[in-house]
Amino acid sequence: CRGESIHSMVSRPQMTSLGNSSWGLSTFSFYLMGIPGLEESQHWIALPLGSLYLLALVGNVTILFIIRIDPSLHQPMYLFLAMLAAIDLILASSTAPKALAVLMSHSCEIWYPTCLTQMFFIHAFSSMESGVLVAMAMDRYVAICHPLHHTTILTPGVIGRIGLVVLIRGILLLMPFPILLRRLIFCQSVVIGHAYCEHMAVVKLACSDATVNRAYGLVVALLVVGFDVFAIGVSYSLILCAVLRVPGRDARLKAFGTCGSHICVILVFYVPGIFSFLTHRFGHNVPHHVHVLLATLYLLVPPALNPLVYGVKTQQIRQRVLRVFYVKVWA
């Protein structure tokens, strides 16, 4: 939003202070600035972001549809991929509509409960995506190291329970975010220098002590990313040891090839995320608009690219997609 409109918004008397009263919580609003410092070009930035969101919608719906209608894809790898696609749909849809409204039409106001809800969905489903990537690494380990028992170890029931654990972990770890925020007092600073309700961006606006919020946010980030990256690293270390014992260069390349899609998805998810986290926490010399762009891209790029990675790298999905569109075109 433009600076002059923001200042006129926050000059409203009811926005000057917020405590824990239910009236204050129900009538309070934040104002999203979009990308501070790039206000004049925000509508142009919205175009690639909107394209990424559209790509995420089309790609992930296609993945879910293909896996749903093809019984041959009802295998552990593709069931986990369906989980990933569903999470990506929710993650992108939690971020993009409001961010695009802010960038394109300067619809800056966001109701306080809506802000907390958006924050919870974004962080909870980011945690769930990380958990699904761990499950997919485990699936690759079982498929390569115990191929004869792959489908007997990872039965649909086991996969469902793994998905439930990932869901519960995301909810339990991230539910304290909005709960802890409700105890904070926000004074005259109600302008969020962001395109969506990011946790630390909101915490920084509080005029009461937010040490608990900051500490818990850091602990959750380190716990989720640290544990999940460690688990993925262990899985792929075991896979590497097993593959190197396989006789024949072609057999080793084939074994590594089955992991290619998953490794690409891991890199797409963790590299921008870790870079965004480090620059946000420690990159004090990095311009703020770079922080905001990185954080926004981190939530839109993986959902947009994951279907493309699996569509290109996985022969079964690629052939099924081409077959479906071929039938529709020539029907």
C-alpha atoms as a PDB file:
ATOM      1  CA  CYS A   1       0.000   0.000   0.000  1.00  0.00           C
ATOM      2  CA  ARG A   2       1.048   3.537  -0.490  1.00  0.00           C
ATOM      3  CA  GLY A   3       2.622   5.258   2.478  1.00  0.00           C
ATOM      4  CA  GLU A   4       0.101   8.107   2.746  1.00  0.00           C
ATOM      5  CA  SER A   5      -2.880   5.719   2.814  1.00  0.00           C
ATOM      6  CA  ILE A   6      -1.212   3.618   5.498  1.00  0.00           C
ATOM      7  CA  HIS A   7      -0.672   6.616   7.747  1.00  0.00           C
ATOM      8  CA  SER A   8      -4.297   7.689   7.364  1.00  0.00           C
ATOM      9  CA  MET A   9      -5.459   4.176   8.239  1.00  0.00           C
ATOM     10  CA  VAL A  10      -3.450   3.837  11.437  1.00  0.00           C
ATOM     11  CA  SER A  11      -4.557   7.277  12.608  1.00  0.00           C
ATOM     12  CA  ARG A  12      -7.975   5.859  13.461  1.00  0.00           C
ATOM     13  CA  PRO A  13      -8.413   6.054  17.242  1.00  0.00           C
ATOM     14  CA  GLN A  14      -9.472   2.438  17.784  1.00  0.00           C
ATOM     15  CA  MET A  15      -6.163   1.241  16.352  1.00  0.00           C
ATOM     16  CA  THR A  16      -3.939   2.903  18.933  1.00  0.00           C
ATOM     17  CA  SER A  17      -3.893   0.118  21.484  1.00  0.00           C
ATOM     18  CA  LEU A  18      -4.873  -3.520  21.840  1.00  0.00           C
ATOM     19  CA  GLY A  19      -4.932  -5.563  24.963  1.00  0.00           C
ATOM     20  CA  ASN A  20      -6.571  -8.897  25.677  1.00  0.00           C
ATOM     21  CA  SER A  21     -10.191  -7.725  25.621  1.00  0.00           C
ATOM     22  CA  SER A  22     -12.493  -9.656  23.304  1.00  0.00           C
ATOM     23  CA  TRP A  23     -13.818  -6.375  21.856  1.00  0.00           C
ATOM     24  CA  GLY A  24     -10.321  -5.267  20.905  1.00  0.00           C
ATOM     25  CA  LEU A  25      -9.478  -8.596  19.334  1.00  0.00           C
ATOM     26  CA  SER A  26     -12.681  -8.711  17.303  1.00  0.00           C
ATOM     27  CA  THR A  27     -12.369  -5.193  15.875  1.00  0.00           C
ATOM     28  CA  PHE A  28      -8.610  -4.883  15.425  1.00  0.00           C
ATOM     29  CA  SER A  29      -6.934  -4.921  12.017  1.00  0.00           C
ATOM     30  CA  PHE A  30      -3.405  -4.973  10.652  1.00  0.00           C
ATOM     31  CA  TYR A  31      -2.342  -3.362   7.387  1.00  0.00           C
ATOM     32  CA  LEU A  32      -0.071  -5.199   4.985  1.00  0.00           C
ATOM     33  CA  MET A  33       2.396  -3.040   3.082  1.00  0.00           C
ATOM     34  CA  GLY A  34       3.186  -5.615   0.418  1.00  0.00           C
ATOM     35  CA  ILE A  35       6.823  -5.137  -0.530  1.00  0.00           C
ATOM     36  CA  PRO A  36       8.197  -2.041   1.233  1.00  0.00           C
ATOM     37  CA  GLY A  37      10.432   0.052  -0.977  1.00  0.00           C
ATOM     38  CA  LEU A  38       8.947  -1.318  -4.190  1.00  0.00           C
ATOM     39  CA  GLU A  39       5.463   0.203  -3.913  1.00  0.00           C
ATOM     40  CA  GLU A  40       5.518   1.703  -7.405  1.00  0.00           C
ATOM     41  CA  SER A  41       6.311  -1.606  -9.091  1.00  0.00           C
ATOM     42  CA  GLN A  42       4.243  -3.957  -6.927  1.00  0.00           C
ATOM     43  CA  HIS A  43       1.606  -4.526  -9.619  1.00  0.00           C
ATOM     44  CA  TRP A  44       4.341  -5.788 -11.950  1.00  0.00           C
ATOM     45  CA  ILE A  45       5.736  -8.073  -9.254  1.00  0.00           C
ATOM     46  CA  ALA A  46       2.223  -9.471  -8.800  1.00  0.00           C
ATOM     47  CA  LEU A  47       2.239 -10.854 -12.352  1.00  0.00           C
ATOM     48  CA  PRO A  48       4.952 -13.523 -11.851  1.00  0.00           C
ATOM     49  CA  LEU A  49       3.598 -14.292  -8.382  1.00  0.00           C
ATOM     50  CA  GLY A  50       0.120 -14.782  -9.828  1.00  0.00           C
ATOM     51  CA  SER A  51       1.588 -17.009 -12.530  1.00  0.00           C
ATOM     52  CA  LEU A  52       3.310 -19.142  -9.890  1.00  0.00           C
ATOM     53  CA  TYR A  53       0.031 -19.465  -7.973  1.00  0.00           C
ATOM     54  CA  LEU A  54      -1.872 -20.470 -11.123  1.00  0.00           C
ATOM     55  CA  LEU A  55       0.838 -22.998 -11.953  1.00  0.00           C
ATOM     56  CA  ALA A  56       0.626 -24.398  -8.415  1.00  0.00           C
ATOM     57  CA  LEU A  57      -3.156 -24.771  -8.658  1.00  0.00           C
ATOM     58  CA  VAL A  58      -3.162 -26.440 -12.070  1.00  0.00           C
ATOM     59  CA  GLY A  59      -0.129 -28.639 -11.371  1.00  0.00           C
ATOM     60  CA  ASN A  60      -1.163 -29.958  -7.974  1.00  0.00           C
ATOM     61  CA  VAL A  61      -4.807 -30.511  -8.936  1.00  0.00           C
ATOM     62  CA  THR A  62      -3.549 -32.460 -11.962  1.00  0.00           C
ATOM     63  CA  ILE A  63      -1.255 -34.587  -9.770  1.00  0.00           C
ATOM     64  CA  LEU A  64      -4.111 -35.371  -7.360  1.00  0.00           C
ATOM     65  CA  PHE A  65      -6.479 -36.163 -10.242  1.00  0.00           C
ATOM     66  CA  ILE A  66      -4.007 -38.464 -12.013  1.00  0.00           C
ATOM     67  CA  ILE A  67      -3.176 -40.396  -8.833  1.00  0.00           C
ATOM     68  CA  ARG A  68      -6.869 -40.648  -7.958  1.00  0.00           C
ATOM     69  CA  ILE A  69      -8.005 -42.138 -11.269  1.00  0.00           C
ATOM     70  CA  ASP A  70      -5.053 -44.461 -11.953  1.00  0.00           C
ATOM     71  CA  PRO A  71      -5.008 -47.572  -9.706  1.00  0.00           C
ATOM     72  CA  SER A  72      -1.438 -48.351 -10.804  1.00  0.00           C
ATOM     73  CA  LEU A  73      -0.318 -45.175  -9.008  1.00  0.00           C
ATOM     74  CA  HIS A  74      -1.811 -46.242  -5.674  1.00  0.00           C
ATOM     75  CA  GLN A  75       1.674 -47.082  -4.419  1.00  0.00           C
ATOM     76  CA  PRO A  76       3.589 -45.604  -1.464  1.00  0.00           C
ATOM     77  CA  MET A  77       5.630 -43.110  -3.510  1.00  0.00           C
ATOM     78  CA  TYR A  78       2.552 -41.689  -5.252  1.00  0.00           C
ATOM     79  CA  LEU A  79       0.395 -41.644  -2.118  1.00  0.00           C
ATOM     80  CA  PHE A  80       3.041 -39.515  -0.422  1.00  0.00           C
ATOM     81  CA  LEU A  81       3.154 -37.360  -3.555  1.00  0.00           C
ATOM     82  CA  ALA A  82      -0.623 -36.882  -3.268  1.00  0.00           C
ATOM     83  CA  MET A  83      -0.122 -35.705   0.330  1.00  0.00           C
ATOM     84  CA  LEU A  84       2.534 -33.275  -0.869  1.00  0.00           C
ATOM     85  CA  ALA A  85       0.252 -31.928  -3.601  1.00  0.00           C
ATOM     86  CA  ALA A  86      -2.644 -31.399  -1.164  1.00  0.00           C
ATOM     87  CA  ILE A  87      -0.365 -29.570   1.285  1.00  0.00           C
ATOM     88  CA  ASP A  88       1.044 -27.418  -1.528  1.00  0.00           C
ATOM     89  CA  LEU A  89      -2.459 -26.432  -2.602  1.00  0.00           C
ATOM     90  CA  ILE A  90      -3.365 -25.291   0.911  1.00  0.00           C
ATOM     91  CA  LEU A  91      -0.001 -23.588   1.464  1.00  0.00           C
ATOM     92  CA  ALA A  92      -0.157 -21.581  -1.769  1.00  0.00           C
ATOM     93  CA  SER A  93      -3.851 -20.722  -1.277  1.00  0.00           C
ATOM     94  CA  SER A  94      -3.161 -19.507   2.261  1.00  0.00           C
ATOM     95  CA  THR A  95      -0.644 -16.991   0.941  1.00  0.00           C
ATOM     96  CA  ALA A  96      -1.264 -15.960  -2.640  1.00  0.00           C
ATOM     97  CA  PRO A  97      -4.848 -14.552  -2.735  1.00  0.00           C
ATOM     98  CA  LYS A  98      -4.285 -11.951  -0.024  1.00  0.00           C
ATOM     99  CA  ALA A  99      -0.727 -11.172  -1.159  1.00  0.00           C
ATOM    100  CA  LEU A 100      -1.947 -10.598  -4.725  1.00  0.00           C
ATOM    101  CA  ALA A 101      -4.829  -8.436  -3.467  1.00  0.00           C
ATOM    102  CA  VAL A 102      -2.324  -6.283  -1.561  1.00  0.00           C
ATOM    103  CA  LEU A 103       0.062  -5.970  -4.500  1.00  0.00           C
ATOM    104  CA  MET A 104      -2.510  -5.429  -7.243  1.00  0.00           C
ATOM    105  CA  SER A 105      -5.437  -3.579  -5.662  1.00  0.00           C
ATOM    106  CA  HIS A 106      -3.877  -2.196  -2.452  1.00  0.00           C
ATOM    107  CA  SER A 107      -6.376  -4.170  -0.349  1.00  0.00           C
ATOM    108  CA  CYS A 108      -4.126  -3.810   2.670  1.00  0.00           C
ATOM    109  CA  GLU A 109      -6.399  -4.305   5.663  1.00  0.00           C
ATOM    110  CA  ILE A 110      -6.504  -7.759   7.255  1.00  0.00           C
ATOM    111  CA  TRP A 111      -8.690  -8.531  10.245  1.00  0.00           C
ATOM    112  CA  TYR A 112      -6.749  -9.644  13.324  1.00  0.00           C
ATOM    113  CA  PRO A 113      -8.296 -13.160  13.598  1.00  0.00           C
ATOM    114  CA  THR A 114      -7.820 -13.602   9.829  1.00  0.00           C
ATOM    115  CA  CYS A 115      -4.169 -12.648  10.209  1.00  0.00           C
ATOM    116  CA  LEU A 116      -3.684 -15.224  12.973  1.00  0.00           C
ATOM    117  CA  THR A 117      -5.474 -17.883  10.915  1.00  0.00           C
ATOM    118  CA  GLN A 118      -3.337 -17.180   7.861  1.00  0.00           C
ATOM    119  CA  MET A 119      -0.186 -17.276   9.980  1.00  0.00           C
ATOM    120  CA  PHE A 120      -1.143 -20.633  11.489  1.00  0.00           C
ATOM    121  CA  PHE A 121      -1.948 -22.220   8.120  1.00  0.00           C
ATOM    122  CA  ILE A 122       1.251 -20.968   6.485  1.00  0.00           C
ATOM    123  CA  HIS A 123       3.595 -22.157   9.231  1.00  0.00           C
ATOM    124  CA  ALA A 124       1.693 -25.354  10.082  1.00  0.00           C
ATOM    125  CA  PHE A 125       1.514 -26.555   6.482  1.00  0.00           C
ATOM    126  CA  SER A 126       5.147 -25.612   5.865  1.00  0.00           C
ATOM    127  CA  SER A 127       5.975 -27.940   8.775  1.00  0.00           C
ATOM    128  CA  MET A 128       3.714 -30.623   7.289  1.00  0.00           C
ATOM    129  CA  GLU A 129       5.423 -30.345   3.900  1.00  0.00           C
ATOM    130  CA  SER A 130       8.779 -30.850   5.598  1.00  0.00           C
ATOM    131  CA  GLY A 131       7.378 -33.904   7.379  1.00  0.00           C
ATOM    132  CA  VAL A 132       6.074 -35.397   4.123  1.00  0.00           C
ATOM    133  CA  LEU A 133       9.519 -34.946   2.547  1.00  0.00           C
ATOM    134  CA  VAL A 134      10.947 -37.006   5.422  1.00  0.00           C
ATOM    135  CA  ALA A 135       8.328 -39.692   4.782  1.00  0.00           C
ATOM    136  CA  MET A 136       9.205 -39.696   1.080  1.00  0.00           C
ATOM    137  CA  ALA A 137      12.895 -40.124   1.930  1.00  0.00           C
ATOM    138  CA  MET A 138      11.950 -43.081   4.123  1.00  0.00           C
ATOM    139  CA  ASP A 139       9.918 -44.507   1.236  1.00  0.00           C
ATOM    140  CA  ARG A 140      12.955 -44.260  -1.081  1.00  0.00           C
ATOM    141  CA  TYR A 141      15.093 -46.006   1.549  1.00  0.00           C
ATOM    142  CA  VAL A 142      12.648 -48.915   1.854  1.00  0.00           C
ATOM    143  CA  ALA A 143      12.194 -49.137  -1.949  1.00  0.00           C
ATOM    144  CA  ILE A 144      15.941 -49.348  -2.600  1.00  0.00           C
ATOM    145  CA  CYS A 145      17.238 -51.197   0.452  1.00  0.00           C
ATOM    146  CA  HIS A 146      14.272 -53.566   0.947  1.00  0.00           C
ATOM    147  CA  PRO A 147      12.595 -53.730  -2.487  1.00  0.00           C
ATOM    148  CA  LEU A 148      10.924 -57.106  -1.936  1.00  0.00           C
ATOM    149  CA  HIS A 149       9.148 -55.843   1.191  1.00  0.00           C
ATOM    150  CA  HIS A 150       8.369 -52.302   0.000  1.00  0.00           C
ATOM    151  CA  THR A 151       4.601 -52.662  -0.301  1.00  0.00           C
ATOM    152  CA  THR A 152       4.314 -54.934   2.743  1.00  0.00           C
ATOM    153  CA  ILE A 153       6.173 -52.463   4.986  1.00  0.00           C
ATOM    154  CA  LEU A 154       4.507 -49.328   3.639  1.00  0.00           C
ATOM    155  CA  THR A 155       0.910 -50.491   3.439  1.00  0.00           C
ATOM    156  CA  PRO A 156      -1.925 -47.956   2.911  1.00  0.00           C
ATOM    157  CA  GLY A 157      -2.676 -48.162   6.633  1.00  0.00           C
ATOM    158  CA  VAL A 158       0.922 -47.368   7.585  1.00  0.00           C
ATOM    159  CA  ILE A 159       1.011 -44.507   5.072  1.00  0.00           C
ATOM    160  CA  GLY A 160      -2.226 -43.124   6.529  1.00  0.00           C
ATOM    161  CA  ARG A 161      -0.778 -43.221  10.047  1.00  0.00           C
ATOM    162  CA  ILE A 162       2.394 -41.482   8.869  1.00  0.00           C
ATOM    163  CA  GLY A 163       0.242 -38.760   7.294  1.00  0.00           C
ATOM    164  CA  LEU A 164      -1.716 -38.425  10.544  1.00  0.00           C
ATOM    165  CA  VAL A 165       1.503 -38.037  12.562  1.00  0.00           C
ATOM    166  CA  VAL A 166       2.712 -35.329  10.161  1.00  0.00           C
ATOM    167  CA  LEU A 167      -0.636 -33.527  10.479  1.00  0.00           C
ATOM    168  CA  ILE A 168      -0.717 -33.706  14.282  1.00  0.00           C
ATOM    169  CA  ARG A 169       2.907 -32.559  14.561  1.00  0.00           C
ATOM    170  CA  GLY A 170       2.210 -29.502  12.427  1.00  0.00           C
ATOM    171  CA  ILE A 171      -0.883 -28.570  14.427  1.00  0.00           C
ATOM    172  CA  LEU A 172       0.623 -29.118  17.885  1.00  0.00           C
ATOM    173  CA  LEU A 173       3.892 -27.303  17.168  1.00  0.00           C
ATOM    174  CA  LEU A 174       2.329 -24.293  15.446  1.00  0.00           C
ATOM    175  CA  MET A 175      -0.883 -23.831  17.439  1.00  0.00           C
ATOM    176  CA  PRO A 176       1.024 -21.861  20.137  1.00  0.00           C
ATOM    177  CA  PHE A 177       1.926 -19.187  17.532  1.00  0.00           C
ATOM    178  CA  PRO A 178      -1.522 -17.519  17.458  1.00  0.00           C
ATOM    179  CA  ILE A 179      -2.139 -18.317  21.133  1.00  0.00           C
ATOM    180  CA  LEU A 180       1.059 -16.584  22.245  1.00  0.00           C
ATOM    181  CA  LEU A 181       0.375 -13.633  19.952  1.00  0.00           C
ATOM    182  CA  ARG A 182      -2.989 -12.996  21.634  1.00  0.00           C
ATOM    183  CA  ARG A 183      -1.193 -12.143  24.880  1.00  0.00           C
ATOM    184  CA  LEU A 184       0.823  -9.349  23.273  1.00  0.00           C
ATOM    185  CA  ILE A 185      -0.127  -5.678  23.260  1.00  0.00           C
ATOM    186  CA  PHE A 186       0.035  -3.792  19.974  1.00  0.00           C
ATOM    187  CA  CYS A 187       0.189  -0.030  20.140  1.00  0.00           C
ATOM    188  CA  GLN A 188       0.292   2.406  17.234  1.00  0.00           C
ATOM    189  CA  SER A 189       2.399   0.179  14.976  1.00  0.00           C
ATOM    190  CA  VAL A 190      -0.187  -1.915  13.134  1.00  0.00           C
ATOM    191  CA  VAL A 191       1.491  -1.817   9.706  1.00  0.00           C
ATOM    192  CA  ILE A 192       3.108  -5.130   8.726  1.00  0.00           C
ATOM    193  CA  GLY A 193       6.001  -4.629   6.328  1.00  0.00           C
ATOM    194  CA  HIS A 194       5.092  -7.805   4.476  1.00  0.00           C
ATOM    195  CA  ALA A 195       2.751  -9.217   1.850  1.00  0.00           C
ATOM    196  CA  TYR A 196       1.166 -11.673   4.301  1.00  0.00           C
ATOM    197  CA  CYS A 197       0.996 -12.291   8.054  1.00  0.00           C
ATOM    198  CA  GLU A 198       4.424 -13.722   8.746  1.00  0.00           C
ATOM    199  CA  HIS A 199       5.024 -14.646  12.380  1.00  0.00           C
ATOM    200  CA  MET A 200       8.129 -12.605  13.139  1.00  0.00           C
ATOM    201  CA  ALA A 201       6.864  -9.608  11.164  1.00  0.00           C
ATOM    202  CA  VAL A 202       3.823  -9.475  13.472  1.00  0.00           C
ATOM    203  CA  VAL A 203       5.826 -10.142  16.653  1.00  0.00           C
ATOM    204  CA  LYS A 204       8.094  -7.184  15.897  1.00  0.00           C
ATOM    205  CA  LEU A 205       5.083  -4.825  16.050  1.00  0.00           C
ATOM    206  CA  ALA A 206       4.308  -5.631  19.703  1.00  0.00           C
ATOM    207  CA  CYS A 207       5.049  -2.971  22.296  1.00  0.00           C
ATOM    208  CA  SER A 208       4.959  -5.549  25.103  1.00  0.00           C
ATOM    209  CA  ASP A 209       7.633  -8.144  25.860  1.00  0.00           C
ATOM    210  CA  ALA A 210       7.739 -10.715  23.027  1.00  0.00           C
ATOM    211  CA  THR A 211      10.735 -12.753  24.241  1.00  0.00           C
ATOM    212  CA  VAL A 212       8.649 -15.928  24.591  1.00  0.00           C
ATOM    213  CA  ASN A 213       7.268 -15.557  21.063  1.00  0.00           C
ATOM    214  CA  ARG A 214      10.719 -15.016  19.566  1.00  0.00           C
ATOM    215  CA  ALA A 215      12.253 -17.906  21.487  1.00  0.00           C
ATOM    216  CA  TYR A 216       9.442 -20.327  20.660  1.00  0.00           C
ATOM    217  CA  GLY A 217       9.537 -19.379  16.970  1.00  0.00           C
ATOM    218  CA  LEU A 218      13.277 -20.040  16.844  1.00  0.00           C
ATOM    219  CA  VAL A 219      12.956 -23.351  18.715  1.00  0.00           C
ATOM    220  CA  VAL A 220      10.197 -24.601  16.396  1.00  0.00           C
ATOM    221  CA  ALA A 221      12.159 -23.630  13.271  1.00  0.00           C
ATOM    222  CA  LEU A 222      15.330 -25.316  14.483  1.00  0.00           C
ATOM    223  CA  LEU A 223      13.438 -28.363  15.757  1.00  0.00           C
ATOM    224  CA  VAL A 224      11.427 -28.973  12.580  1.00  0.00           C
ATOM    225  CA  VAL A 225      14.135 -28.174  10.051  1.00  0.00           C
ATOM    226  CA  GLY A 226      16.948 -29.684  12.141  1.00  0.00           C
ATOM    227  CA  PHE A 227      15.176 -32.979  12.788  1.00  0.00           C
ATOM    228  CA  ASP A 228      13.763 -33.322   9.278  1.00  0.00           C
ATOM    229  CA  VAL A 229      17.017 -32.483   7.473  1.00  0.00           C
ATOM    230  CA  PHE A 230      18.861 -34.913   9.779  1.00  0.00           C
ATOM    231  CA  ALA A 231      16.321 -37.685   9.074  1.00  0.00           C
ATOM    232  CA  ILE A 232      16.523 -37.091   5.315  1.00  0.00           C
ATOM    233  CA  GLY A 233      20.321 -37.063   5.508  1.00  0.00           C
ATOM    234  CA  VAL A 234      20.366 -40.394   7.369  1.00  0.00           C
ATOM    235  CA  SER A 235      17.958 -41.947   4.854  1.00  0.00           C
ATOM    236  CA  TYR A 236      20.043 -40.899   1.880  1.00  0.00           C
ATOM    237  CA  SER A 237      23.295 -41.943   3.567  1.00  0.00           C
ATOM    238  CA  LEU A 238      21.866 -45.443   3.960  1.00  0.00           C
ATOM    239  CA  ILE A 239      20.609 -45.350   0.374  1.00  0.00           C
ATOM    240  CA  LEU A 240      24.060 -44.271  -0.871  1.00  0.00           C
ATOM    241  CA  CYS A 241      25.771 -47.104   1.019  1.00  0.00           C
ATOM    242  CA  ALA A 242      23.292 -49.633  -0.371  1.00  0.00           C
ATOM    243  CA  VAL A 243      23.560 -48.356  -3.957  1.00  0.00           C
ATOM    244  CA  LEU A 244      27.366 -48.382  -3.921  1.00  0.00           C
ATOM    245  CA  ARG A 245      27.248 -52.082  -3.051  1.00  0.00           C
ATOM    246  CA  VAL A 246      25.129 -52.821  -6.125  1.00  0.00           C
ATOM    247  CA  PRO A 247      27.234 -54.442  -8.884  1.00  0.00           C
ATOM    248  CA  GLY A 248      27.109 -52.770 -12.283  1.00  0.00           C
ATOM    249  CA  ARG A 249      27.148 -49.113 -13.241  1.00  0.00           C
ATOM    250  CA  ASP A 250      23.739 -49.225 -14.953  1.00  0.00           C
ATOM    251  CA  ALA A 251      22.073 -50.742 -11.910  1.00  0.00           C
ATOM    252  CA  ARG A 252      23.529 -48.037  -9.678  1.00  0.00           C
ATOM    253  CA  LEU A 253      22.393 -45.270 -12.026  1.00  0.00           C
ATOM    254  CA  LYS A 254      18.895 -46.752 -12.134  1.00  0.00           C
ATOM    255  CA  ALA A 255      18.761 -46.855  -8.323  1.00  0.00           C
ATOM    256  CA  PHE A 256      19.924 -43.245  -8.074  1.00  0.00           C
ATOM    257  CA  GLY A 257      17.426 -42.271 -10.782  1.00  0.00           C
ATOM    258  CA  THR A 258      14.500 -43.316  -8.597  1.00  0.00           C
ATOM    259  CA  CYS A 259      15.592 -40.670  -6.064  1.00  0.00           C
ATOM    260  CA  GLY A 260      16.086 -37.852  -8.571  1.00  0.00           C
ATOM    261  CA  SER A 261      12.626 -36.299  -8.280  1.00  0.00           C
ATOM    262  CA  HIS A 262      12.666 -36.376  -4.504  1.00  0.00           C
ATOM    263  CA  ILE A 263      16.126 -34.806  -4.261  1.00  0.00           C
ATOM    264  CA  CYS A 264      15.018 -31.981  -6.586  1.00  0.00           C
ATOM    265  CA  VAL A 265      11.917 -31.347  -4.446  1.00  0.00           C
ATOM    266  CA  ILE A 266      14.030 -31.324  -1.268  1.00  0.00           C
ATOM    267  CA  LEU A 267      16.390 -28.730  -2.750  1.00  0.00           C
ATOM    268  CA  VAL A 268      13.495 -26.572  -4.011  1.00  0.00           C
ATOM    269  CA  PHE A 269      11.892 -26.588  -0.548  1.00  0.00           C
ATOM    270  CA  TYR A 270      14.818 -26.341   1.873  1.00  0.00           C
ATOM    271  CA  VAL A 271      17.391 -24.173   0.077  1.00  0.00           C
ATOM    272  CA  PRO A 272      15.175 -21.063  -0.353  1.00  0.00           C
ATOM    273  CA  GLY A 273      13.584 -21.672   3.057  1.00  0.00           C
ATOM    274  CA  ILE A 274      16.870 -21.885   4.950  1.00  0.00           C
ATOM    275  CA  PHE A 275      18.273 -18.916   3.031  1.00  0.00           C
ATOM    276  CA  SER A 276      15.157 -16.856   3.813  1.00  0.00           C
ATOM    277  CA  PHE A 277      15.321 -17.870   7.493  1.00  0.00           C
ATOM    278  CA  LEU A 278      19.011 -16.979   7.814  1.00  0.00           C
ATOM    279  CA  THR A 279      18.661 -13.618   6.085  1.00  0.00           C
ATOM    280  CA  HIS A 280      15.602 -12.794   8.215  1.00  0.00           C
ATOM    281  CA  ARG A 281      17.333 -13.656  11.489  1.00  0.00           C
ATOM    282  CA  PHE A 282      20.924 -12.628  10.799  1.00  0.00           C
ATOM    283  CA  GLY A 283      21.047 -10.744   7.495  1.00  0.00           C
ATOM    284  CA  HIS A 284      20.733  -7.258   8.982  1.00  0.00           C
ATOM    285  CA  ASN A 285      22.442  -5.691   5.954  1.00  0.00           C
ATOM    286  CA  VAL A 286      20.054  -7.323   3.480  1.00  0.00           C
ATOM    287  CA  PRO A 287      17.400  -4.824   2.236  1.00  0.00           C
ATOM    288  CA  HIS A 288      13.942  -5.443   3.696  1.00  0.00           C
ATOM    289  CA  HIS A 289      12.278  -5.842   0.309  1.00  0.00           C
ATOM    290  CA  VAL A 290      14.676  -8.730  -0.397  1.00  0.00           C
ATOM    291  CA  HIS A 291      13.490 -10.413   2.833  1.00  0.00           C
ATOM    292  CA  VAL A 292       9.860 -10.028   1.780  1.00  0.00           C
ATOM    293  CA  LEU A 293      10.426 -11.270  -1.772  1.00  0.00           C
ATOM    294  CA  LEU A 294      12.380 -14.307  -0.552  1.00  0.00           C
ATOM    295  CA  ALA A 295       9.733 -15.191   2.034  1.00  0.00           C
ATOM    296  CA  THR A 296       6.913 -14.867  -0.508  1.00  0.00           C
ATOM    297  CA  LEU A 297       8.737 -16.855  -3.183  1.00  0.00           C
ATOM    298  CA  TYR A 298       9.545 -19.555  -0.619  1.00  0.00           C
ATOM    299  CA  LEU A 299       5.809 -20.191  -0.194  1.00  0.00           C
ATOM    300  CA  LEU A 300       4.957 -20.138  -3.915  1.00  0.00           C
ATOM    301  CA  VAL A 301       7.940 -21.606  -5.767  1.00  0.00           C
ATOM    302  CA  PRO A 302       7.879 -25.142  -4.242  1.00  0.00           C
ATOM    303  CA  PRO A 303       4.107 -25.635  -4.819  1.00  0.00           C
ATOM    304  CA  ALA A 304       4.544 -24.436  -8.409  1.00  0.00           C
ATOM    305  CA  LEU A 305       7.657 -26.478  -9.220  1.00  0.00           C
ATOM    306  CA  ASN A 306       6.926 -29.749  -7.397  1.00  0.00           C
ATOM    307  CA  PRO A 307       4.326 -30.965  -9.942  1.00  0.00           C
ATOM    308  CA  LEU A 308       6.664 -30.025 -12.803  1.00  0.00           C
ATOM    309  CA  VAL A 309       9.570 -31.899 -11.204  1.00  0.00           C
ATOM    310  CA  TYR A 310       7.530 -35.058 -10.726  1.00  0.00           C
ATOM    311  CA  GLY A 311       5.833 -34.646 -14.103  1.00  0.00           C
ATOM    312  CA  VAL A 312       9.165 -34.447 -15.913  1.00  0.00           C
ATOM    313  CA  LYS A 313      11.163 -36.895 -13.792  1.00  0.00           C
ATOM    314  CA  THR A 314       8.523 -39.587 -13.206  1.00  0.00           C
ATOM    315  CA  GLN A 315       7.680 -41.577 -16.309  1.00  0.00           C
ATOM    316  CA  GLN A 316       4.416 -43.047 -14.975  1.00  0.00           C
ATOM    317  CA  ILE A 317       2.927 -39.639 -14.168  1.00  0.00           C
ATOM    318  CA  ARG A 318       4.180 -38.068 -17.393  1.00  0.00           C
ATOM    319  CA  GLN A 319       2.695 -40.845 -19.512  1.00  0.00           C
ATOM    320  CA  ARG A 320      -0.601 -40.783 -17.617  1.00  0.00           C
ATOM    321  CA  VAL A 321      -0.949 -36.999 -17.996  1.00  0.00           C
ATOM    322  CA  LEU A 322      -0.221 -37.196 -21.723  1.00  0.00           C
ATOM    323  CA  ARG A 323      -2.700 -40.047 -22.085  1.00  0.00           C
ATOM    324  CA  VAL A 324      -5.468 -38.124 -20.292  1.00  0.00           C
ATOM    325  CA  PHE A 325      -4.955 -34.971 -22.360  1.00  0.00           C
ATOM    326  CA  TYR A 326      -4.602 -36.999 -25.561  1.00  0.00           C
ATOM    327  CA  VAL A 327      -7.933 -38.732 -24.904  1.00  0.00           C
ATOM    328  CA  LYS A 328      -9.644 -35.426 -24.109  1.00  0.00           C
ATOM    329  CA  VAL A 329      -8.269 -33.719 -27.185  1.00  0.00           C
ATOM    330  CA  TRP A 330      -9.230 -36.515 -29.560  1.00  0.00           C
ATOM    331  CA  ALA A 331     -12.476 -37.515 -27.868  1.00  0.00           C
END
